[in-house]
Amino acid sequence: GDGAGGAGAGDADMGDDGDDADGYADRDFAFKGLSRAKYRIFALVRDVLLPSLSLLGSSPTASSELWDIMSTYTWRHRYALYRAWSETAKTDPLVKLADARASHAAKAALKRL
């Protein structure tokens, strides 16, 4: 399971405003029904791993490893991750470029059929 999200050694990095060292408020992971540790992994996947997957090109190993992490979350959590990834693809210039290149390559492959 996710473990309990109560007070513990991990709370030592909390500021007076309720935000931890990463800037995530208690309400963020409590709202999502995740323990502090599980939410930190969720945030890492959302903010770093999924966007970087766009930059790797074809990497079945990376995709498989990332799925192993994501499959531990509910479908609602995974949908939230995919939605955030989609938003990143619209705003981050590097991810936007990688998405455009992948779309161009896919269209070129379809034209050859």
Protein backbone atom coordinates (compact mmCIF):
# COMPACT_ATOMS: atom_id res chain seq x y z
CA GLY A 1 0.00 0.00 0.00
CA ASP A 2 0.82 3.66 0.04
CA GLY A 3 1.49 3.83 3.78
CA ALA A 4 0.09 6.39 6.15
CA GLY A 5 0.45 10.07 5.38
CA GLY A 6 0.72 11.12 9.03
CA ALA A 7 3.46 12.91 10.90
CA GLY A 8 6.87 11.34 10.89
CA ALA A 9 10.53 11.82 10.15
CA GLY A 10 9.69 13.07 6.65
CA ASP A 11 7.89 16.06 8.15
CA ALA A 12 11.13 17.62 9.37
CA ASP A 13 11.53 19.55 6.12
CA MET A 14 8.16 21.26 6.41
CA GLY A 15 8.11 25.05 6.66
CA ASP A 16 5.64 27.10 8.67
CA ASP A 17 3.49 27.59 5.57
CA GLY A 18 2.81 23.84 5.14
CA ASP A 19 5.01 23.50 2.06
CA ASP A 20 7.83 20.99 2.05
CA ALA A 21 11.29 21.57 0.59
CA ASP A 22 9.98 20.70 -2.90
CA GLY A 23 7.24 23.33 -2.72
CA TYR A 24 4.36 20.84 -2.54
CA ALA A 25 1.72 21.67 0.03
CA ASP A 26 0.23 18.98 2.28
CA ARG A 27 -3.11 19.50 0.60
CA ASP A 28 -1.64 18.53 -2.79
CA PHE A 29 -0.86 14.94 -1.89
CA ALA A 30 -3.63 14.63 0.69
CA PHE A 31 -6.12 15.68 -1.99
CA LYS A 32 -4.77 13.02 -4.30
CA GLY A 33 -5.05 10.37 -1.56
CA LEU A 34 -1.33 9.66 -1.60
CA SER A 35 1.24 9.39 1.14
CA ARG A 36 3.98 12.01 1.17
CA ALA A 37 6.51 9.58 -0.39
CA LYS A 38 4.06 8.37 -3.03
CA TYR A 39 3.19 11.97 -3.94
CA ARG A 40 6.86 12.92 -4.27
CA ILE A 41 7.32 10.07 -6.75
CA PHE A 42 4.13 11.17 -8.53
CA ALA A 43 5.51 14.73 -8.79
CA LEU A 44 8.86 13.45 -10.06
CA VAL A 45 7.13 11.43 -12.78
CA ARG A 46 4.88 14.38 -13.69
CA ASP A 47 7.54 17.09 -13.66
CA VAL A 48 10.67 15.27 -14.85
CA LEU A 49 10.34 11.71 -16.10
CA LEU A 50 7.38 11.99 -18.47
CA PRO A 51 8.58 15.21 -20.12
CA SER A 52 12.08 13.75 -20.52
CA LEU A 53 10.60 10.64 -22.12
CA SER A 54 9.53 12.88 -25.00
CA LEU A 55 13.16 13.85 -25.52
CA LEU A 56 14.53 10.29 -25.54
CA GLY A 57 13.06 9.29 -28.87
CA SER A 58 12.38 5.59 -29.20
CA SER A 59 13.31 4.01 -25.89
CA PRO A 60 11.26 0.91 -25.06
CA THR A 61 13.33 0.26 -21.94
CA ALA A 62 12.70 3.73 -20.50
CA SER A 63 9.01 3.48 -21.38
CA SER A 64 8.74 0.08 -19.72
CA GLU A 65 10.52 1.23 -16.57
CA LEU A 66 8.34 4.32 -16.35
CA TRP A 67 5.22 2.19 -16.81
CA ASP A 68 6.38 -0.04 -13.94
CA ILE A 69 6.28 3.05 -11.71
CA MET A 70 3.06 4.46 -13.12
CA SER A 71 1.20 1.16 -12.91
CA THR A 72 1.35 1.40 -9.11
CA TYR A 73 -1.03 4.38 -9.25
CA THR A 74 -4.76 4.34 -9.86
CA TRP A 75 -6.11 5.08 -13.31
CA ARG A 76 -7.14 8.55 -12.07
CA HIS A 77 -3.60 9.35 -10.97
CA ARG A 78 -2.23 8.07 -14.28
CA TYR A 79 -4.77 10.18 -16.19
CA ALA A 80 -3.60 13.24 -14.22
CA LEU A 81 -0.01 12.40 -15.19
CA TYR A 82 -0.91 12.07 -18.88
CA ARG A 83 -2.88 15.32 -18.76
CA ALA A 84 0.10 17.15 -17.20
CA TRP A 85 2.41 15.61 -19.82
CA SER A 86 0.10 16.85 -22.57
CA GLU A 87 0.16 20.36 -21.09
CA THR A 88 3.97 20.24 -20.91
CA ALA A 89 4.05 19.32 -24.60
CA LYS A 90 2.19 22.56 -25.32
CA THR A 91 4.37 24.84 -23.19
CA ASP A 92 7.93 23.48 -22.89
CA PRO A 93 9.95 24.42 -26.00
CA LEU A 94 12.12 21.26 -26.00
CA VAL A 95 9.18 18.92 -25.52
CA LYS A 96 7.21 20.89 -28.11
CA LEU A 97 10.05 20.44 -30.62
CA ALA A 98 10.33 16.71 -29.87
CA ASP A 99 6.56 16.34 -30.33
CA ALA A 100 6.70 18.18 -33.67
CA ARG A 101 9.55 15.97 -34.87
CA ALA A 102 7.70 12.81 -33.85
CA SER A 103 4.53 14.01 -35.61
CA HIS A 104 6.50 14.82 -38.76
CA ALA A 105 8.18 11.39 -38.72
CA ALA A 106 4.83 9.65 -38.24
CA LYS A 107 3.25 11.56 -41.14
CA ALA A 108 6.22 10.77 -43.38
CA ALA A 109 5.94 7.07 -42.51
CA LEU A 110 2.20 7.10 -43.27
CA LYS A 111 2.81 8.75 -46.66
CA ARG A 112 5.12 5.88 -47.61
CA LEU A 113 2.35 3.33 -47.02
